[in-house]
Full PDB file with SEQRES, HELIX, SHEET, SSBOND, CRYST1, ORIGX, SCALE, CONECT and MASTER records, all heavy atoms in Angstrom:
SEQRES   1 A   34  VAL ASP ILE PRO GLN ILE THR ALA ALA VAL ASP ALA VAL          
SEQRES   2 A   34  VAL PHE ASN LEU SER ALA ARG PRO ASP VAL ALA ASP SER          
SEQRES   3 A   34  ASP VAL PRO ARG THR LEU LEU ALA                              
HELIX    1 AA1 ILE A    3  LEU A   17  1                                  15    
HELIX    2 AA2 ASP A   27  LEU A   33  1                                   7    
CRYST1    1.000    1.000    1.000  90.00  90.00  90.00 P 1           1          
ORIGX1      1.000000  0.000000  0.000000        0.00000                         
ORIGX2      0.000000  1.000000  0.000000        0.00000                         
ORIGX3      0.000000  0.000000  1.000000        0.00000                         
SCALE1      1.000000  0.000000  0.000000        0.00000                         
SCALE2      0.000000  1.000000  0.000000        0.00000                         
SCALE3      0.000000  0.000000  1.000000        0.00000                         
ATOM      1  N   VAL A   1     114.258 126.585 134.454  1.00  0.00           N  
ATOM      2  CA  VAL A   1     113.107 126.637 133.546  1.00  0.00           C  
ATOM      3  C   VAL A   1     113.529 126.370 132.098  1.00  0.00           C  
ATOM      4  O   VAL A   1     112.689 126.020 131.260  1.00  0.00           O  
ATOM      5  CB  VAL A   1     112.385 127.997 133.629  1.00  0.00           C  
ATOM      6  CG1 VAL A   1     111.866 128.250 135.024  1.00  0.00           C  
ATOM      7  CG2 VAL A   1     113.297 129.132 133.201  1.00  0.00           C  
ATOM      8  N   ASP A   2     114.820 126.522 131.806  1.00  0.00           N  
ATOM      9  CA  ASP A   2     115.316 126.289 130.449  1.00  0.00           C  
ATOM     10  C   ASP A   2     115.700 124.835 130.198  1.00  0.00           C  
ATOM     11  O   ASP A   2     115.964 124.452 129.058  1.00  0.00           O  
ATOM     12  CB  ASP A   2     116.543 127.167 130.168  1.00  0.00           C  
ATOM     13  CG  ASP A   2     116.235 128.653 130.282  1.00  0.00           C  
ATOM     14  OD1 ASP A   2     115.235 129.083 129.686  1.00  0.00           O  
ATOM     15  OD2 ASP A   2     116.983 129.363 130.976  1.00  0.00           O  
ATOM     16  N   ILE A   3     115.735 124.032 131.248  1.00  0.00           N  
ATOM     17  CA  ILE A   3     116.216 122.659 131.117  1.00  0.00           C  
ATOM     18  C   ILE A   3     115.390 121.823 130.133  1.00  0.00           C  
ATOM     19  O   ILE A   3     115.964 121.088 129.318  1.00  0.00           O  
ATOM     20  CB  ILE A   3     116.306 121.985 132.502  1.00  0.00           C  
ATOM     21  CG1 ILE A   3     117.488 122.588 133.276  1.00  0.00           C  
ATOM     22  CG2 ILE A   3     116.466 120.474 132.378  1.00  0.00           C  
ATOM     23  CD1 ILE A   3     117.663 122.027 134.673  1.00  0.00           C  
ATOM     24  N   PRO A   4     114.047 121.871 130.166  1.00  0.00           N  
ATOM     25  CA  PRO A   4     113.289 121.057 129.200  1.00  0.00           C  
ATOM     26  C   PRO A   4     113.664 121.346 127.746  1.00  0.00           C  
ATOM     27  O   PRO A   4     113.780 120.423 126.935  1.00  0.00           O  
ATOM     28  CB  PRO A   4     111.831 121.431 129.486  1.00  0.00           C  
ATOM     29  CG  PRO A   4     111.837 121.855 130.919  1.00  0.00           C  
ATOM     30  CD  PRO A   4     113.146 122.560 131.111  1.00  0.00           C  
ATOM     31  N   GLN A   5     113.877 122.617 127.417  1.00  0.00           N  
ATOM     32  CA  GLN A   5     114.230 122.975 126.042  1.00  0.00           C  
ATOM     33  C   GLN A   5     115.633 122.492 125.700  1.00  0.00           C  
ATOM     34  O   GLN A   5     115.894 122.018 124.585  1.00  0.00           O  
ATOM     35  CB  GLN A   5     114.140 124.492 125.871  1.00  0.00           C  
ATOM     36  CG  GLN A   5     113.878 124.955 124.460  1.00  0.00           C  
ATOM     37  CD  GLN A   5     112.495 124.607 123.945  1.00  0.00           C  
ATOM     38  OE1 GLN A   5     111.516 124.717 124.673  1.00  0.00           O  
ATOM     39  NE2 GLN A   5     112.412 124.159 122.707  1.00  0.00           N  
ATOM     40  N   ILE A   6     116.565 122.619 126.649  1.00  0.00           N  
ATOM     41  CA  ILE A   6     117.938 122.160 126.414  1.00  0.00           C  
ATOM     42  C   ILE A   6     117.964 120.647 126.278  1.00  0.00           C  
ATOM     43  O   ILE A   6     118.662 120.089 125.413  1.00  0.00           O  
ATOM     44  CB  ILE A   6     118.863 122.621 127.558  1.00  0.00           C  
ATOM     45  CG1 ILE A   6     118.907 124.149 127.614  1.00  0.00           C  
ATOM     46  CG2 ILE A   6     120.269 122.069 127.382  1.00  0.00           C  
ATOM     47  CD1 ILE A   6     119.659 124.716 128.814  1.00  0.00           C  
ATOM     48  N   THR A   7     117.191 119.960 127.113  1.00  0.00           N  
ATOM     49  CA  THR A   7     117.105 118.503 127.025  1.00  0.00           C  
ATOM     50  C   THR A   7     116.540 118.075 125.669  1.00  0.00           C  
ATOM     51  O   THR A   7     117.019 117.115 125.055  1.00  0.00           O  
ATOM     52  CB  THR A   7     116.222 117.947 128.161  1.00  0.00           C  
ATOM     53  OG1 THR A   7     116.806 118.301 129.419  1.00  0.00           O  
ATOM     54  CG2 THR A   7     116.108 116.435 128.076  1.00  0.00           C  
ATOM     55  N   ALA A   8     115.537 118.796 125.199  1.00  0.00           N  
ATOM     56  CA  ALA A   8     114.951 118.491 123.888  1.00  0.00           C  
ATOM     57  C   ALA A   8     115.981 118.660 122.779  1.00  0.00           C  
ATOM     58  O   ALA A   8     116.010 117.891 121.807  1.00  0.00           O  
ATOM     59  CB  ALA A   8     113.748 119.390 123.634  1.00  0.00           C  
ATOM     60  N   ALA A   9     116.855 119.649 122.917  1.00  0.00           N  
ATOM     61  CA  ALA A   9     117.903 119.869 121.914  1.00  0.00           C  
ATOM     62  C   ALA A   9     118.897 118.713 121.906  1.00  0.00           C  
ATOM     63  O   ALA A   9     119.302 118.230 120.841  1.00  0.00           O  
ATOM     64  CB  ALA A   9     118.620 121.187 122.192  1.00  0.00           C  
ATOM     65  N   VAL A  10     119.289 118.261 123.102  1.00  0.00           N  
ATOM     66  CA  VAL A  10     120.192 117.104 123.181  1.00  0.00           C  
ATOM     67  C   VAL A  10     119.551 115.889 122.521  1.00  0.00           C  
ATOM     68  O   VAL A  10     120.172 115.192 121.704  1.00  0.00           O  
ATOM     69  CB  VAL A  10     120.538 116.782 124.651  1.00  0.00           C  
ATOM     70  CG1 VAL A  10     121.320 115.470 124.737  1.00  0.00           C  
ATOM     71  CG2 VAL A  10     121.353 117.901 125.275  1.00  0.00           C  
ATOM     72  N   ASP A  11     118.296 115.631 122.865  1.00  0.00           N  
ATOM     73  CA  ASP A  11     117.594 114.455 122.320  1.00  0.00           C  
ATOM     74  C   ASP A  11     117.478 114.526 120.800  1.00  0.00           C  
ATOM     75  O   ASP A  11     117.595 113.505 120.110  1.00  0.00           O  
ATOM     76  CB  ASP A  11     116.206 114.332 122.954  1.00  0.00           C  
ATOM     77  CG  ASP A  11     116.270 113.979 124.435  1.00  0.00           C  
ATOM     78  OD1 ASP A  11     117.337 113.504 124.872  1.00  0.00           O  
ATOM     79  OD2 ASP A  11     115.270 114.186 125.137  1.00  0.00           O  
ATOM     80  N   ALA A  12     117.243 115.730 120.274  1.00  0.00           N  
ATOM     81  CA  ALA A  12     117.102 115.877 118.822  1.00  0.00           C  
ATOM     82  C   ALA A  12     118.406 115.543 118.109  1.00  0.00           C  
ATOM     83  O   ALA A  12     118.418 114.852 117.081  1.00  0.00           O  
ATOM     84  CB  ALA A  12     116.666 117.306 118.492  1.00  0.00           C  
ATOM     85  N   VAL A  13     119.537 116.022 118.658  1.00  0.00           N  
ATOM     86  CA  VAL A  13     120.839 115.735 118.041  1.00  0.00           C  
ATOM     87  C   VAL A  13     121.152 114.253 118.151  1.00  0.00           C  
ATOM     88  O   VAL A  13     121.584 113.618 117.179  1.00  0.00           O  
ATOM     89  CB  VAL A  13     121.943 116.582 118.705  1.00  0.00           C  
ATOM     90  CG1 VAL A  13     123.313 116.180 118.154  1.00  0.00           C  
ATOM     91  CG2 VAL A  13     121.701 118.061 118.457  1.00  0.00           C  
ATOM     92  N   VAL A  14     120.950 113.693 119.335  1.00  0.00           N  
ATOM     93  CA  VAL A  14     121.252 112.274 119.551  1.00  0.00           C  
ATOM     94  C   VAL A  14     120.415 111.393 118.635  1.00  0.00           C  
ATOM     95  O   VAL A  14     120.906 110.427 118.042  1.00  0.00           O  
ATOM     96  CB  VAL A  14     121.020 111.900 121.034  1.00  0.00           C  
ATOM     97  CG1 VAL A  14     121.072 110.381 121.221  1.00  0.00           C  
ATOM     98  CG2 VAL A  14     122.062 112.579 121.916  1.00  0.00           C  
ATOM     99  N   PHE A  15     119.142 111.735 118.498  1.00  0.00           N  
ATOM    100  CA  PHE A  15     118.252 110.951 117.630  1.00  0.00           C  
ATOM    101  C   PHE A  15     118.760 110.926 116.192  1.00  0.00           C  
ATOM    102  O   PHE A  15     118.739 109.895 115.528  1.00  0.00           O  
ATOM    103  CB  PHE A  15     116.837 111.541 117.682  1.00  0.00           C  
ATOM    104  CG  PHE A  15     115.873 110.874 116.733  1.00  0.00           C  
ATOM    105  CD1 PHE A  15     115.276 109.669 117.057  1.00  0.00           C  
ATOM    106  CD2 PHE A  15     115.563 111.462 115.506  1.00  0.00           C  
ATOM    107  CE1 PHE A  15     114.393 109.049 116.170  1.00  0.00           C  
ATOM    108  CE2 PHE A  15     114.692 110.852 114.621  1.00  0.00           C  
ATOM    109  CZ  PHE A  15     114.096 109.648 114.950  1.00  0.00           C  
ATOM    110  N   ASN A  16     119.240 112.065 115.713  1.00  0.00           N  
ATOM    111  CA  ASN A  16     119.686 112.163 114.322  1.00  0.00           C  
ATOM    112  C   ASN A  16     121.052 111.536 114.073  1.00  0.00           C  
ATOM    113  O   ASN A  16     121.359 111.168 112.939  1.00  0.00           O  
ATOM    114  CB  ASN A  16     119.721 113.632 113.896  1.00  0.00           C  
ATOM    115  CG  ASN A  16     118.359 114.168 113.513  1.00  0.00           C  
ATOM    116  OD1 ASN A  16     117.919 114.046 112.378  1.00  0.00           O  
ATOM    117  ND2 ASN A  16     117.663 114.754 114.476  1.00  0.00           N  
ATOM    118  N   LEU A  17     121.873 111.406 115.124  1.00  0.00           N  
ATOM    119  CA  LEU A  17     123.245 110.920 114.924  1.00  0.00           C  
ATOM    120  C   LEU A  17     123.482 109.488 115.400  1.00  0.00           C  
ATOM    121  O   LEU A  17     124.434 108.854 114.960  1.00  0.00           O  
ATOM    122  CB  LEU A  17     124.236 111.852 115.624  1.00  0.00           C  
ATOM    123  CG  LEU A  17     124.352 113.277 115.079  1.00  0.00           C  
ATOM    124  CD1 LEU A  17     125.385 114.063 115.873  1.00  0.00           C  
ATOM    125  CD2 LEU A  17     124.709 113.274 113.595  1.00  0.00           C  
ATOM    126  N   SER A  18     122.642 108.997 116.307  1.00  0.00           N  
ATOM    127  CA  SER A  18     122.893 107.679 116.898  1.00  0.00           C  
ATOM    128  C   SER A  18     122.951 106.565 115.861  1.00  0.00           C  
ATOM    129  O   SER A  18     123.742 105.627 115.982  1.00  0.00           O  
ATOM    130  CB  SER A  18     121.808 107.355 117.935  1.00  0.00           C  
ATOM    131  OG  SER A  18     121.927 108.201 119.049  1.00  0.00           O  
ATOM    132  N   ALA A  19     122.112 106.659 114.842  1.00  0.00           N  
ATOM    133  CA  ALA A  19     122.057 105.597 113.826  1.00  0.00           C  
ATOM    134  C   ALA A  19     122.956 105.881 112.633  1.00  0.00           C  
ATOM    135  O   ALA A  19     122.872 105.186 111.616  1.00  0.00           O  
ATOM    136  CB  ALA A  19     120.619 105.404 113.364  1.00  0.00           C  
ATOM    137  N   ARG A  20     123.842 106.884 112.754  1.00  0.00           N  
ATOM    138  CA  ARG A  20     124.691 107.238 111.629  1.00  0.00           C  
ATOM    139  C   ARG A  20     126.176 107.271 112.025  1.00  0.00           C  
ATOM    140  O   ARG A  20     126.818 108.331 112.050  1.00  0.00           O  
ATOM    141  CB  ARG A  20     124.268 108.597 111.064  1.00  0.00           C  
ATOM    142  CG  ARG A  20     122.873 108.618 110.443  1.00  0.00           C  
ATOM    143  CD  ARG A  20     122.726 107.612 109.306  1.00  0.00           C  
ATOM    144  NE  ARG A  20     123.691 107.812 108.253  1.00  0.00           N  
ATOM    145  CZ  ARG A  20     123.451 108.495 107.137  1.00  0.00           C  
ATOM    146  NH1 ARG A  20     122.260 109.054 106.957  1.00  0.00           N  
ATOM    147  NH2 ARG A  20     124.381 108.613 106.208  1.00  0.00           N  
ATOM    148  N   PRO A  21     126.746 106.108 112.354  1.00  0.00           N  
ATOM    149  CA  PRO A  21     128.178 106.075 112.697  1.00  0.00           C  
ATOM    150  C   PRO A  21     129.074 106.457 111.532  1.00  0.00           C  
ATOM    151  O   PRO A  21     130.248 106.735 111.725  1.00  0.00           O  
ATOM    152  CB  PRO A  21     128.396 104.610 113.112  1.00  0.00           C  
ATOM    153  CG  PRO A  21     127.308 103.848 112.419  1.00  0.00           C  
ATOM    154  CD  PRO A  21     126.127 104.771 112.408  1.00  0.00           C  
ATOM    155  N   ASP A  22     128.504 106.493 110.323  1.00  0.00           N  
ATOM    156  CA  ASP A  22     129.304 106.897 109.165  1.00  0.00           C  
ATOM    157  C   ASP A  22     129.583 108.402 109.159  1.00  0.00           C  
ATOM    158  O   ASP A  22     130.552 108.863 108.531  1.00  0.00           O  
ATOM    159  CB  ASP A  22     128.593 106.506 107.864  1.00  0.00           C  
ATOM    160  CG  ASP A  22     127.178 107.073 107.797  1.00  0.00           C  
ATOM    161  OD1 ASP A  22     126.486 107.057 108.834  1.00  0.00           O  
ATOM    162  OD2 ASP A  22     126.770 107.515 106.702  1.00  0.00           O  
ATOM    163  N   VAL A  23     128.757 109.188 109.862  1.00  0.00           N  
ATOM    164  CA  VAL A  23     128.964 110.639 109.878  1.00  0.00           C  
ATOM    165  C   VAL A  23     129.293 111.179 111.270  1.00  0.00           C  
ATOM    166  O   VAL A  23     129.703 112.334 111.400  1.00  0.00           O  
ATOM    167  CB  VAL A  23     127.737 111.391 109.322  1.00  0.00           C  
ATOM    168  CG1 VAL A  23     127.467 111.010 107.878  1.00  0.00           C  
ATOM    169  CG2 VAL A  23     126.503 111.160 110.184  1.00  0.00           C  
ATOM    170  N   ALA A  24     129.084 110.364 112.304  1.00  0.00           N  
ATOM    171  CA  ALA A  24     129.379 110.820 113.661  1.00  0.00           C  
ATOM    172  C   ALA A  24     129.908 109.657 114.484  1.00  0.00           C  
ATOM    173  O   ALA A  24     129.296 108.589 114.529  1.00  0.00           O  
ATOM    174  CB  ALA A  24     128.131 111.401 114.317  1.00  0.00           C  
ATOM    175  N   ASP A  25     131.033 109.869 115.120  1.00  0.00           N  
ATOM    176  CA  ASP A  25     131.597 108.854 115.997  1.00  0.00           C  
ATOM    177  C   ASP A  25     130.604 108.537 117.118  1.00  0.00           C  
ATOM    178  O   ASP A  25     129.874 109.420 117.587  1.00  0.00           O  
ATOM    179  CB  ASP A  25     132.911 109.375 116.587  1.00  0.00           C  
ATOM    180  CG  ASP A  25     133.638 108.323 117.385  1.00  0.00           C  
ATOM    181  OD1 ASP A  25     134.378 107.535 116.774  1.00  0.00           O  
ATOM    182  OD2 ASP A  25     133.453 108.282 118.617  1.00  0.00           O  
ATOM    183  N   SER A  26     130.576 107.291 117.551  1.00  0.00           N  
ATOM    184  CA  SER A  26     129.614 106.888 118.586  1.00  0.00           C  
ATOM    185  C   SER A  26     129.820 107.639 119.893  1.00  0.00           C  
ATOM    186  O   SER A  26     128.913 107.720 120.726  1.00  0.00           O  
ATOM    187  CB  SER A  26     129.723 105.379 118.833  1.00  0.00           C  
ATOM    188  OG  SER A  26     131.043 105.034 119.261  1.00  0.00           O  
ATOM    189  N   ASP A  27     131.022 108.205 120.070  1.00  0.00           N  
ATOM    190  CA  ASP A  27     131.299 108.956 121.291  1.00  0.00           C  
ATOM    191  C   ASP A  27     130.519 110.272 121.338  1.00  0.00           C  
ATOM    192  O   ASP A  27     130.329 110.839 122.417  1.00  0.00           O  
ATOM    193  CB  ASP A  27     132.804 109.247 121.381  1.00  0.00           C  
ATOM    194  CG  ASP A  27     133.256 109.551 122.798  1.00  0.00           C  
ATOM    195  OD1 ASP A  27     132.629 109.029 123.731  1.00  0.00           O  
ATOM    196  OD2 ASP A  27     134.220 110.321 122.964  1.00  0.00           O  
ATOM    197  N   VAL A  28     130.066 110.761 120.184  1.00  0.00           N  
ATOM    198  CA  VAL A  28     129.340 112.035 120.155  1.00  0.00           C  
ATOM    199  C   VAL A  28     127.994 111.907 120.868  1.00  0.00           C  
ATOM    200  O   VAL A  28     127.738 112.620 121.854  1.00  0.00           O  
ATOM    201  CB  VAL A  28     129.173 112.553 118.710  1.00  0.00           C  
ATOM    202  CG1 VAL A  28     128.260 113.779 118.696  1.00  0.00           C  
ATOM    203  CG2 VAL A  28     130.518 112.893 118.104  1.00  0.00           C  
ATOM    204  N   PRO A  29     127.076 111.015 120.426  1.00  0.00           N  
ATOM    205  CA  PRO A  29     125.810 110.900 121.162  1.00  0.00           C  
ATOM    206  C   PRO A  29     126.003 110.405 122.589  1.00  0.00           C  
ATOM    207  O   PRO A  29     125.281 110.840 123.496  1.00  0.00           O  
ATOM    208  CB  PRO A  29     124.994 109.897 120.322  1.00  0.00           C  
ATOM    209  CG  PRO A  29     125.986 109.187 119.471  1.00  0.00           C  
ATOM    210  CD  PRO A  29     127.082 110.145 119.216  1.00  0.00           C  
ATOM    211  N   ARG A  30     126.990 109.516 122.798  1.00  0.00           N  
ATOM    212  CA  ARG A  30     127.226 109.011 124.153  1.00  0.00           C  
ATOM    213  C   ARG A  30     127.643 110.144 125.098  1.00  0.00           C  
ATOM    214  O   ARG A  30     127.177 110.217 126.238  1.00  0.00           O  
ATOM    215  CB  ARG A  30     128.308 107.926 124.110  1.00  0.00           C  
ATOM    216  CG  ARG A  30     128.572 107.286 125.458  1.00  0.00           C  
ATOM    217  CD  ARG A  30     129.371 106.002 125.348  1.00  0.00           C  
ATOM    218  NE  ARG A  30     130.639 106.210 124.674  1.00  0.00           N  
ATOM    219  CZ  ARG A  30     130.953 105.658 123.498  1.00  0.00           C  
ATOM    220  NH1 ARG A  30     130.076 104.884 122.882  1.00  0.00           N  
ATOM    221  NH2 ARG A  30     132.133 105.875 122.953  1.00  0.00           N  
ATOM    222  N   THR A  31     128.499 111.028 124.628  1.00  0.00           N  
ATOM    223  CA  THR A  31     128.951 112.147 125.455  1.00  0.00           C  
ATOM    224  C   THR A  31     127.812 113.127 125.735  1.00  0.00           C  
ATOM    225  O   THR A  31     127.672 113.630 126.857  1.00  0.00           O  
ATOM    226  CB  THR A  31     130.111 112.887 124.755  1.00  0.00           C  
ATOM    227  OG1 THR A  31     131.198 111.978 124.559  1.00  0.00           O  
ATOM    228  CG2 THR A  31     130.579 114.064 125.592  1.00  0.00           C  
ATOM    229  N   LEU A  32     126.983 113.391 124.728  1.00  0.00           N  
ATOM    230  CA  LEU A  32     125.847 114.295 124.930  1.00  0.00           C  
ATOM    231  C   LEU A  32     124.856 113.733 125.949  1.00  0.00           C  
ATOM    232  O   LEU A  32     124.323 114.475 126.787  1.00  0.00           O  
ATOM    233  CB  LEU A  32     125.144 114.559 123.595  1.00  0.00           C  
ATOM    234  CG  LEU A  32     125.932 115.389 122.573  1.00  0.00           C  
ATOM    235  CD1 LEU A  32     125.172 115.467 121.254  1.00  0.00           C  
ATOM    236  CD2 LEU A  32     126.205 116.793 123.103  1.00  0.00           C  
ATOM    237  N   LEU A  33     124.633 112.432 125.890  1.00  0.00           N  
ATOM    238  CA  LEU A  33     123.722 111.815 126.861  1.00  0.00           C  
ATOM    239  C   LEU A  33     124.303 111.864 128.271  1.00  0.00           C  
ATOM    240  O   LEU A  33     123.570 112.044 129.255  1.00  0.00           O  
ATOM    241  CB  LEU A  33     123.427 110.366 126.452  1.00  0.00           C  
ATOM    242  CG  LEU A  33     122.553 110.196 125.208  1.00  0.00           C  
ATOM    243  CD1 LEU A  33     122.451 108.725 124.826  1.00  0.00           C  
ATOM    244  CD2 LEU A  33     121.160 110.783 125.441  1.00  0.00           C  
ATOM    245  N   ALA A  34     125.623 111.703 128.371  1.00  0.00           N  
ATOM    246  CA  ALA A  34     126.267 111.804 129.689  1.00  0.00           C  
ATOM    247  C   ALA A  34     126.129 113.216 130.247  1.00  0.00           C  
ATOM    248  O   ALA A  34     125.881 113.407 131.451  1.00  0.00           O  
ATOM    249  CB  ALA A  34     127.739 111.419 129.578  1.00  0.00           C  
TER     250      ALA A  34                                                      
MASTER        0    0    0    2    0    0    0    6  249    1    0    3          
END                                                                             
């Protein structure tokens, strides 16, 4: 029952970091999505 909220948290972080390789290595959002 907690999965939707946890998934939303992953998506929120990925959304904020995917377009910012200057502050986060591309492996960060890729690993979270995996």
